[in-house]
Protein backbone atom coordinates (compact mmCIF):
# COMPACT_ATOMS: atom_id res chain seq x y z
CA MET A 1 147.82 21.74 -16.11
CA GLY A 2 145.38 20.13 -18.43
CA SER A 3 142.43 20.16 -16.03
CA GLY A 4 140.37 22.60 -18.10
CA LYS A 5 140.24 25.38 -15.54
CA THR A 6 140.41 28.22 -18.08
CA THR A 7 137.60 26.82 -20.21
CA VAL A 8 135.48 25.77 -17.22
CA GLY A 9 136.25 29.04 -15.45
CA GLN A 10 135.07 31.10 -18.40
CA LEU A 11 131.89 29.04 -18.70
CA LEU A 12 131.26 29.29 -14.97
CA ALA A 13 131.82 33.04 -14.93
CA ALA A 14 129.43 33.50 -17.84
CA ARG A 15 126.72 31.37 -16.19
CA LEU A 16 127.11 33.14 -12.85
CA GLY A 17 127.34 36.61 -14.39
CA LEU A 18 130.79 37.17 -12.88
CA ARG A 19 134.04 38.33 -14.36
CA PHE A 20 136.80 35.82 -15.07
CA ALA A 21 140.41 36.46 -14.06
CA ASP A 22 143.54 34.40 -14.56
CA SER A 23 146.06 35.18 -11.82
CA ASP A 24 149.04 34.52 -14.10
CA GLN A 25 147.72 36.93 -16.72
CA VAL A 26 147.25 39.63 -14.09
CA ILE A 27 150.84 39.10 -12.94
CA GLU A 28 152.09 39.43 -16.51
CA GLN A 29 150.12 42.62 -17.05
CA ARG A 30 151.41 44.15 -13.82
CA HIS A 31 155.03 43.22 -14.35
CA GLY A 32 155.18 43.82 -18.09
CA ARG A 33 156.89 40.47 -18.54
CA SER A 34 155.79 36.92 -19.12
CA VAL A 35 155.61 34.50 -16.23
CA ARG A 36 158.40 32.57 -17.94
CA GLU A 37 160.58 35.72 -17.88
CA ILE A 38 159.77 36.39 -14.22
CA PHE A 39 160.79 32.84 -13.31
CA ALA A 40 164.00 33.06 -15.38
CA GLU A 41 165.05 36.52 -14.22
CA ASP A 42 163.75 36.74 -10.67
CA GLY A 43 163.20 33.12 -9.62
CA GLU A 44 160.23 31.18 -8.36
CA ALA A 45 160.20 32.82 -4.91
CA ALA A 46 159.72 36.26 -6.49
CA PHE A 47 156.97 34.91 -8.71
CA ARG A 48 155.19 33.30 -5.73
CA ALA A 49 155.35 36.60 -3.83
CA ALA A 50 153.84 38.44 -6.82
CA GLU A 51 151.23 35.71 -7.16
CA HIS A 52 150.28 36.09 -3.51
CA GLU A 53 149.85 39.87 -3.92
CA VAL A 54 147.59 39.35 -6.94
CA LEU A 55 145.54 36.66 -5.17
CA ALA A 56 145.06 38.92 -2.16
CA GLU A 57 143.92 41.77 -4.39
CA LEU A 58 141.56 39.56 -6.40
CA MET A 59 140.05 38.24 -3.17
CA ARG A 60 139.40 41.82 -1.99
CA GLY A 61 137.99 42.84 -5.35
CA PRO A 62 134.61 42.36 -6.98
CA ASP A 63 133.15 38.89 -7.22
CA ALA A 64 134.95 36.80 -9.83
CA VAL A 65 135.84 33.34 -10.97
CA VAL A 66 139.63 33.21 -10.68
CA SER A 67 141.89 30.69 -12.37
CA VAL A 68 144.85 30.00 -10.11
CA GLY A 69 147.98 28.11 -11.11
CA GLY A 70 148.65 24.89 -9.25
CA GLY A 71 151.90 26.17 -7.79
CA ALA A 72 150.08 28.79 -5.71
CA VAL A 73 149.59 26.18 -2.99
CA GLU A 74 153.36 26.09 -2.52
CA HIS A 75 153.18 29.55 -0.86
CA GLN A 76 151.85 29.32 2.71
CA SER A 77 150.14 32.74 2.68
CA SER A 78 148.46 31.94 -0.64
CA ARG A 79 147.16 28.68 0.84
CA ARG A 80 145.60 30.69 3.69
CA LEU A 81 143.89 32.98 1.17
CA LEU A 82 142.58 30.03 -0.80
CA ARG A 83 141.23 28.34 2.32
CA ALA A 84 139.14 31.46 2.98
CA ALA A 85 137.38 31.19 -0.41
CA ARG A 86 135.36 28.71 -2.42
CA VAL A 87 138.02 26.74 -4.20
CA ILE A 88 136.96 24.27 -6.84
CA TYR A 89 139.73 21.79 -7.47
CA LEU A 90 139.37 20.54 -11.03
CA GLN A 91 140.93 17.14 -10.66
CA VAL A 92 142.62 15.38 -13.53
CA GLY A 93 144.92 12.39 -13.31
CA TYR A 94 148.55 12.79 -14.20
CA ASP A 95 148.36 10.56 -17.28
CA GLU A 96 145.26 12.36 -18.58
CA ALA A 97 146.87 15.77 -18.01
CA MET A 98 149.94 14.63 -19.94
CA ARG A 99 147.75 13.38 -22.80
CA ARG A 100 146.06 16.80 -22.95
CA VAL A 101 149.18 18.97 -22.86
CA GLY A 102 152.14 16.62 -23.35
CA GLY A 103 153.01 17.82 -26.84
CA ASP A 104 152.80 21.52 -26.00
CA PRO A 105 156.31 22.99 -26.44
CA GLY A 106 155.19 26.16 -24.64
CA ARG A 107 155.03 24.35 -21.30
CA PRO A 108 158.55 24.17 -19.89
CA LEU A 109 157.35 22.42 -16.73
CA LEU A 110 156.83 19.36 -18.91
CA ARG A 111 160.60 19.07 -19.22
CA ARG A 112 161.07 18.67 -15.47
CA PRO A 113 162.26 15.15 -14.75
CA ASP A 114 160.42 15.21 -11.39
CA LEU A 115 157.09 16.48 -12.74
CA ASP A 116 155.22 13.39 -11.55
CA ASP A 117 156.67 13.91 -8.05
CA VAL A 118 155.59 17.57 -8.06
CA TYR A 119 152.11 16.47 -9.10
CA ARG A 120 151.88 13.84 -6.32
CA ARG A 121 153.30 16.23 -3.70
CA ARG A 122 150.66 18.85 -4.45
CA LEU A 123 147.62 16.53 -4.45
CA PRO A 124 147.01 16.52 -0.67
CA VAL A 125 147.52 20.30 -0.57
CA TYR A 126 144.93 20.77 -3.32
CA GLN A 127 142.51 18.67 -1.30
CA SER A 128 143.24 20.69 1.84
CA VAL A 129 142.28 24.01 0.23
CA ALA A 130 139.39 22.72 -1.89
CA THR A 131 135.77 23.43 -1.06
CA LEU A 132 134.77 20.98 -3.78
CA THR A 133 136.67 18.53 -5.94
CA VAL A 134 135.28 17.88 -9.39
CA GLY A 135 136.78 15.36 -11.80
CA THR A 136 137.33 16.53 -15.36
CA ALA A 137 138.80 13.46 -17.09
CA GLY A 138 136.85 12.52 -20.20
CA ARG A 139 134.14 15.12 -19.55
CA PRO A 140 133.06 18.12 -21.60
CA ALA A 141 133.73 21.48 -19.97
CA GLU A 142 130.02 22.34 -19.94
CA ALA A 143 129.25 19.20 -17.91
CA VAL A 144 131.97 20.08 -15.42
CA CYS A 145 130.64 23.63 -15.16
CA LEU A 146 127.09 22.42 -14.52
CA GLU A 147 128.32 19.99 -11.85
CA VAL A 148 130.19 22.79 -10.09
CA ILE A 149 127.09 24.99 -10.06
CA SER A 150 124.87 22.15 -8.87
CA ARG A 151 127.22 21.11 -6.10
CA LEU A 152 127.81 24.66 -4.92
CA ALA A 153 124.05 25.18 -4.67
CA ARG A 154 123.60 22.19 -2.35
CA GLU A 155 126.85 22.26 -0.37
CA PRO A 156 126.12 22.95 3.31
CA GLY A 157 128.29 25.35 5.24
CA LEU A 158 129.94 27.10 2.32
CA PRO A 159 131.35 30.51 3.07
CA PRO A 160 129.05 33.31 1.87
CA ASP A 161 131.70 34.63 -0.52
CA PRO A 162 130.52 33.87 -4.07
CA ARG A 163 133.99 34.26 -5.54
CA ILE A 164 135.32 30.99 -6.83
CA ARG A 165 138.93 29.99 -7.39
CA LEU A 166 139.69 27.20 -9.84
CA LEU A 167 142.76 25.22 -8.98
CA SER A 168 144.69 22.66 -10.93
CA LEU A 169 148.23 21.60 -11.61
CA LYS A 170 149.19 24.24 -14.14
CA ASP A 171 152.51 25.18 -15.58
CA PRO A 172 153.24 28.55 -13.95
CA ASN A 173 155.47 29.48 -16.90
CA GLU A 174 152.76 29.15 -19.55
CA ILE A 175 150.22 31.81 -20.47
CA ARG A 176 147.98 31.35 -23.47
CA SER A 177 146.24 34.09 -25.34
CA HIS A 178 142.78 32.81 -24.36
CA GLU A 179 143.50 33.34 -20.68
CA GLY A 180 143.16 36.67 -19.03
CA VAL A 181 141.01 39.11 -17.15
CA GLY A 182 137.58 39.99 -18.36
CA PRO A 183 134.12 38.61 -18.86
CA CYS A 184 133.60 35.54 -20.92
CA ALA A 185 132.05 36.54 -24.22
CA SER A 186 128.90 34.82 -25.44
CA GLY A 187 131.04 32.55 -27.56
CA CYS A 188 132.84 30.90 -24.63
CA PRO A 189 134.37 27.54 -25.50
């Protein structure tokens, strides 16, 4: 949430000539309901199972930059999938993330009284699945994108799979219209 993974992911996909996919958007398209509705009607466990199915399919599919919600690491099988790919953890501090998205009424996770605890609990898990960690605080998306490309090019021992998963703490109930599946148009933000 607030790390810039959609914007950076679209830029990265455009620079690498890959398609961009947002796992939450794919879930919404498949289920014909918003992530918020899936959580409310079926519960988080059902959403995590659907998320795992989508991640597995995206990993088997054509090369892509995939934006993955931060809660995916809560599902053990999804963590295994992520560990088998190049995962770029776009790191943003809690306070910075709250400054970026704090006033967004479309993010129900912001109302959780234990949000800071959720954030802290996930940090070591993000690190455990990440191939690279790139800080985003106070940086333009283009600079983050260029750092990711540069670091991927010189990182020894990376798996040969060029697919990249972007990971950040993201509200799994929030989908914005600029997120989705498809190539980034020439006018990427």
